[in-house]
PDB file of N, CA and C in Angstrom:
ATOM      1  N   MET A   1       0.843  -1.152   0.000  1.00  0.00           N
ATOM      2  CA  MET A   1       0.000   0.000   0.000  1.00  0.00           C
ATOM      3  C   MET A   1       0.901   1.231   0.000  1.00  0.00           C
ATOM      4  N   LEU A   2       0.537   2.232  -0.772  1.00  0.00           N
ATOM      5  CA  LEU A   2       1.353   3.439  -0.901  1.00  0.00           C
ATOM      6  C   LEU A   2       0.501   4.661  -0.609  1.00  0.00           C
ATOM      7  N   PHE A   3       1.003   5.528   0.240  1.00  0.00           N
ATOM      8  CA  PHE A   3       0.367   6.799   0.540  1.00  0.00           C
ATOM      9  C   PHE A   3       1.352   7.895   0.180  1.00  0.00           C
ATOM     10  N   GLY A   4       0.871   9.007  -0.324  1.00  0.00           N
ATOM     11  CA  GLY A   4       1.802  10.068  -0.657  1.00  0.00           C
ATOM     12  C   GLY A   4       1.108  11.379  -0.939  1.00  0.00           C
ATOM     13  N   VAL A   5       1.934  12.398  -1.018  1.00  0.00           N
ATOM     14  CA  VAL A   5       1.457  13.728  -1.343  1.00  0.00           C
ATOM     15  C   VAL A   5       2.497  14.392  -2.238  1.00  0.00           C
ATOM     16  N   GLU A   6       2.026  15.166  -3.189  1.00  0.00           N
ATOM     17  CA  GLU A   6       2.920  15.889  -4.083  1.00  0.00           C
ATOM     18  C   GLU A   6       2.370  17.291  -4.269  1.00  0.00           C
ATOM     19  N   ALA A   7       3.263  18.269  -4.300  1.00  0.00           N
ATOM     20  CA  ALA A   7       2.848  19.661  -4.477  1.00  0.00           C
ATOM     21  C   ALA A   7       3.840  20.378  -5.372  1.00  0.00           C
ATOM     22  N   GLY A   8       3.330  21.295  -6.171  1.00  0.00           N
ATOM     23  CA  GLY A   8       4.181  22.075  -7.049  1.00  0.00           C
ATOM     24  C   GLY A   8       3.877  23.552  -6.922  1.00  0.00           C
ATOM     25  N   TYR A   9       4.876  24.364  -7.224  1.00  0.00           N
ATOM     26  CA  TYR A   9       4.724  25.811  -7.124  1.00  0.00           C
ATOM     27  C   TYR A   9       5.556  26.476  -8.216  1.00  0.00           C
ATOM     28  N   ALA A  10       4.931  27.351  -8.978  1.00  0.00           N
ATOM     29  CA  ALA A  10       5.641  28.075 -10.027  1.00  0.00           C
ATOM     30  C   ALA A  10       6.347  29.278  -9.407  1.00  0.00           C
ATOM     31  N   LEU A  11       7.677  29.271  -9.464  1.00  0.00           N
ATOM     32  CA  LEU A  11       8.454  30.391  -8.937  1.00  0.00           C
ATOM     33  C   LEU A  11       8.474  31.557  -9.917  1.00  0.00           C
ATOM     34  N   SER A  12       8.399  31.239 -11.205  1.00  0.00           N
ATOM     35  CA  SER A  12       8.341  32.247 -12.259  1.00  0.00           C
ATOM     36  C   SER A  12       7.735  31.576 -13.495  1.00  0.00           C
ATOM     37  N   ASN A  13       7.725  32.275 -14.624  1.00  0.00           N
ATOM     38  CA  ASN A  13       7.209  31.670 -15.855  1.00  0.00           C
ATOM     39  C   ASN A  13       8.087  30.521 -16.338  1.00  0.00           C
ATOM     40  N   ASN A  14       9.349  30.490 -15.912  1.00  0.00           N
ATOM     41  CA  ASN A  14      10.300  29.500 -16.407  1.00  0.00           C
ATOM     42  C   ASN A  14      10.690  28.442 -15.377  1.00  0.00           C
ATOM     43  N   VAL A  15      10.443  28.675 -14.117  1.00  0.00           N
ATOM     44  CA  VAL A  15      10.943  27.773 -13.070  1.00  0.00           C
ATOM     45  C   VAL A  15       9.786  27.292 -12.189  1.00  0.00           C
ATOM     46  N   GLU A  16       9.717  25.978 -12.032  1.00  0.00           N
ATOM     47  CA  GLU A  16       8.720  25.379 -11.154  1.00  0.00           C
ATOM     48  C   GLU A  16       9.415  24.464 -10.154  1.00  0.00           C
ATOM     49  N   LEU A  17       8.979  24.505  -8.929  1.00  0.00           N
ATOM     50  CA  LEU A  17       9.526  23.682  -7.856  1.00  0.00           C
ATOM     51  C   LEU A  17       8.428  22.742  -7.387  1.00  0.00           C
ATOM     52  N   SER A  18       8.755  21.456  -7.250  1.00  0.00           N
ATOM     53  CA  SER A  18       7.782  20.497  -6.728  1.00  0.00           C
ATOM     54  C   SER A  18       8.469  19.585  -5.727  1.00  0.00           C
ATOM     55  N   ALA A  19       7.667  19.019  -4.850  1.00  0.00           N
ATOM     56  CA  ALA A  19       8.183  18.109  -3.823  1.00  0.00           C
ATOM     57  C   ALA A  19       7.189  16.980  -3.623  1.00  0.00           C
ATOM     58  N   HIS A  20       7.699  15.836  -3.176  1.00  0.00           N
ATOM     59  CA  HIS A  20       6.810  14.711  -2.886  1.00  0.00           C
ATOM     60  C   HIS A  20       7.287  13.997  -1.627  1.00  0.00           C
ATOM     61  N   PHE A  21       6.331  13.366  -0.980  1.00  0.00           N
ATOM     62  CA  PHE A  21       6.587  12.571   0.214  1.00  0.00           C
ATOM     63  C   PHE A  21       5.685  11.348   0.132  1.00  0.00           C
ATOM     64  N   SER A  22       6.262  10.160   0.211  1.00  0.00           N
ATOM     65  CA  SER A  22       5.489   8.922   0.082  1.00  0.00           C
ATOM     66  C   SER A  22       5.897   7.935   1.168  1.00  0.00           C
ATOM     67  N   ARG A  23       4.948   7.106   1.546  1.00  0.00           N
ATOM     68  CA  ARG A  23       5.189   6.088   2.566  1.00  0.00           C
ATOM     69  C   ARG A  23       4.550   4.790   2.103  1.00  0.00           C
ATOM     70  N   THR A  24       5.312   3.707   2.118  1.00  0.00           N
ATOM     71  CA  THR A  24       4.760   2.393   1.803  1.00  0.00           C
ATOM     72  C   THR A  24       4.479   1.643   3.095  1.00  0.00           C
ATOM     73  N   LYS A  25       3.477   0.820   3.072  1.00  0.00           N
ATOM     74  CA  LYS A  25       3.139  -0.016   4.222  1.00  0.00           C
ATOM     75  C   LYS A  25       3.032  -1.452   3.734  1.00  0.00           C
ATOM     76  N   ALA A  26       3.850  -2.317   4.297  1.00  0.00           N
ATOM     77  CA  ALA A  26       3.840  -3.735   3.919  1.00  0.00           C
ATOM     78  C   ALA A  26       2.573  -4.391   4.462  1.00  0.00           C
ATOM     79  N   LEU A  27       1.874  -5.090   3.582  1.00  0.00           N
ATOM     80  CA  LEU A  27       0.667  -5.800   3.985  1.00  0.00           C
ATOM     81  C   LEU A  27       1.005  -7.269   4.251  1.00  0.00           C
ATOM     82  N   LYS A  28      -0.003  -8.069   4.555  1.00  0.00           N
ATOM     83  CA  LYS A  28       0.214  -9.452   4.994  1.00  0.00           C
ATOM     84  C   LYS A  28       1.020 -10.282   4.000  1.00  0.00           C
ATOM     85  N   ASP A  29       0.775 -10.110   2.690  1.00  0.00           N
ATOM     86  CA  ASP A  29       1.488 -10.925   1.709  1.00  0.00           C
ATOM     87  C   ASP A  29       2.984 -10.623   1.710  1.00  0.00           C
ATOM     88  N   ILE A  30       3.340  -9.358   1.821  1.00  0.00           N
ATOM     89  CA  ILE A  30       4.748  -8.970   1.862  1.00  0.00           C
ATOM     90  C   ILE A  30       5.392  -9.460   3.157  1.00  0.00           C
ATOM     91  N   LYS A  31       4.685  -9.316   4.270  1.00  0.00           N
ATOM     92  CA  LYS A  31       5.214  -9.778   5.559  1.00  0.00           C
ATOM     93  C   LYS A  31       5.427 -11.289   5.557  1.00  0.00           C
ATOM     94  N   ARG A  32       4.488 -12.023   4.952  1.00  0.00           N
ATOM     95  CA  ARG A  32       4.607 -13.488   4.878  1.00  0.00           C
ATOM     96  C   ARG A  32       5.813 -13.884   4.026  1.00  0.00           C
ATOM     97  N   GLU A  33       5.987 -13.242   2.878  1.00  0.00           N
ATOM     98  CA  GLU A  33       7.128 -13.548   2.010  1.00  0.00           C
ATOM     99  C   GLU A  33       8.449 -13.203   2.694  1.00  0.00           C
ATOM    100  N   ALA A  34       8.488 -12.080   3.401  1.00  0.00           N
ATOM    101  CA  ALA A  34       9.702 -11.695   4.121  1.00  0.00           C
ATOM    102  C   ALA A  34      10.030 -12.705   5.211  1.00  0.00           C
ATOM    103  N   SER A  35       9.017 -13.207   5.882  1.00  0.00           N
ATOM    104  CA  SER A  35       9.232 -14.203   6.930  1.00  0.00           C
ATOM    105  C   SER A  35       9.813 -15.490   6.346  1.00  0.00           C
ATOM    106  N   VAL A  36       9.295 -15.914   5.203  1.00  0.00           N
ATOM    107  CA  VAL A  36       9.795 -17.122   4.540  1.00  0.00           C
ATOM    108  C   VAL A  36      11.240 -16.927   4.091  1.00  0.00           C
ATOM    109  N   ASP A  37      11.560 -15.722   3.607  1.00  0.00           N
ATOM    110  CA  ASP A  37      12.914 -15.431   3.123  1.00  0.00           C
ATOM    111  C   ASP A  37      13.893 -15.071   4.242  1.00  0.00           C
ATOM    112  N   GLY A  38      13.408 -14.984   5.486  1.00  0.00           N
ATOM    113  CA  GLY A  38      14.277 -14.672   6.612  1.00  0.00           C
ATOM    114  C   GLY A  38      14.623 -13.195   6.729  1.00  0.00           C
ATOM    115  N   VAL A  39      13.831 -12.342   6.100  1.00  0.00           N
ATOM    116  CA  VAL A  39      14.074 -10.895   6.166  1.00  0.00           C
ATOM    117  C   VAL A  39      13.521 -10.367   7.480  1.00  0.00           C
ATOM    118  N   THR A  40      14.338  -9.629   8.197  1.00  0.00           N
ATOM    119  CA  THR A  40      13.890  -9.033   9.454  1.00  0.00           C
ATOM    120  C   THR A  40      14.013  -7.517   9.356  1.00  0.00           C
ATOM    121  N   GLY A  41      13.403  -6.833  10.272  1.00  0.00           N
ATOM    122  CA  GLY A  41      13.456  -5.371  10.272  1.00  0.00           C
ATOM    123  C   GLY A  41      12.161  -4.787   9.733  1.00  0.00           C
ATOM    124  N   CYS A  42      12.152  -3.494   9.615  1.00  0.00           N
ATOM    125  CA  CYS A  42      10.965  -2.776   9.157  1.00  0.00           C
ATOM    126  C   CYS A  42      10.811  -2.922   7.646  1.00  0.00           C
ATOM    127  N   LEU A  43       9.650  -3.332   7.206  1.00  0.00           N
ATOM    128  CA  LEU A  43       9.385  -3.508   5.783  1.00  0.00           C
ATOM    129  C   LEU A  43       8.746  -2.262   5.161  1.00  0.00           C
ATOM    130  N   ASN A  44       8.345  -1.318   5.987  1.00  0.00           N
ATOM    131  CA  ASN A  44       7.778  -0.071   5.490  1.00  0.00           C
ATOM    132  C   ASN A  44       8.911   0.857   5.057  1.00  0.00           C
ATOM    133  N   GLN A  45       8.662   1.654   4.020  1.00  0.00           N
ATOM    134  CA  GLN A  45       9.690   2.562   3.521  1.00  0.00           C
ATOM    135  C   GLN A  45       9.105   3.946   3.311  1.00  0.00           C
ATOM    136  N   THR A  46       9.967   4.959   3.443  1.00  0.00           N
ATOM    137  CA  THR A  46       9.571   6.346   3.235  1.00  0.00           C
ATOM    138  C   THR A  46      10.445   6.950   2.150  1.00  0.00           C
ATOM    139  N   TYR A  47       9.817   7.686   1.248  1.00  0.00           N
ATOM    140  CA  TYR A  47      10.530   8.347   0.154  1.00  0.00           C
ATOM    141  C   TYR A  47      10.156   9.818   0.145  1.00  0.00           C
ATOM    142  N   ALA A  48      11.105  10.652  -0.207  1.00  0.00           N
ATOM    143  CA  ALA A  48      10.845  12.072  -0.371  1.00  0.00           C
ATOM    144  C   ALA A  48      11.764  12.616  -1.445  1.00  0.00           C
ATOM    145  N   GLY A  49      11.356  13.690  -2.076  1.00  0.00           N
ATOM    146  CA  GLY A  49      12.208  14.269  -3.100  1.00  0.00           C
ATOM    147  C   GLY A  49      11.758  15.667  -3.472  1.00  0.00           C
ATOM    148  N   VAL A  50      12.671  16.359  -4.125  1.00  0.00           N
ATOM    149  CA  VAL A  50      12.432  17.715  -4.611  1.00  0.00           C
ATOM    150  C   VAL A  50      12.801  17.734  -6.083  1.00  0.00           C
ATOM    151  N   HIS A  51      12.020  18.425  -6.859  1.00  0.00           N
ATOM    152  CA  HIS A  51      12.264  18.496  -8.299  1.00  0.00           C
ATOM    153  C   HIS A  51      12.175  19.956  -8.743  1.00  0.00           C
ATOM    154  N   VAL A  52      13.145  20.376  -9.529  1.00  0.00           N
ATOM    155  CA  VAL A  52      13.137  21.717 -10.105  1.00  0.00           C
ATOM    156  C   VAL A  52      13.031  21.581 -11.610  1.00  0.00           C
ATOM    157  N   ASN A  53      12.064  22.256 -12.197  1.00  0.00           N
ATOM    158  CA  ASN A  53      11.875  22.225 -13.636  1.00  0.00           C
ATOM    159  C   ASN A  53      12.118  23.621 -14.199  1.00  0.00           C
ATOM    160  N   TRP A  54      13.058  23.715 -15.126  1.00  0.00           N
ATOM    161  CA  TRP A  54      13.397  25.005 -15.734  1.00  0.00           C
ATOM    162  C   TRP A  54      13.202  24.884 -17.233  1.00  0.00           C
ATOM    163  N   THR A  55      12.329  25.698 -17.767  1.00  0.00           N
ATOM    164  CA  THR A  55      12.110  25.714 -19.209  1.00  0.00           C
ATOM    165  C   THR A  55      12.727  26.979 -19.797  1.00  0.00           C
ATOM    166  N   PHE A  56      13.302  26.847 -20.972  1.00  0.00           N
ATOM    167  CA  PHE A  56      13.925  28.012 -21.618  1.00  0.00           C
ATOM    168  C   PHE A  56      13.575  28.031 -23.081  1.00  0.00           C
TER     169      PHE A  56
END
């Protein structure tokens, strides 16, 4: 399961800034497979990023 948010903002006519933040949550099937494979630790992951778009 994936949850996230993304937002963008135009700084000018040529430059746009955007950012995203996402979080995955391991469900029963992933947890079961990890258990069979001997994987331990947190199976949930967090991602974030910033993107700058410049048009000329």
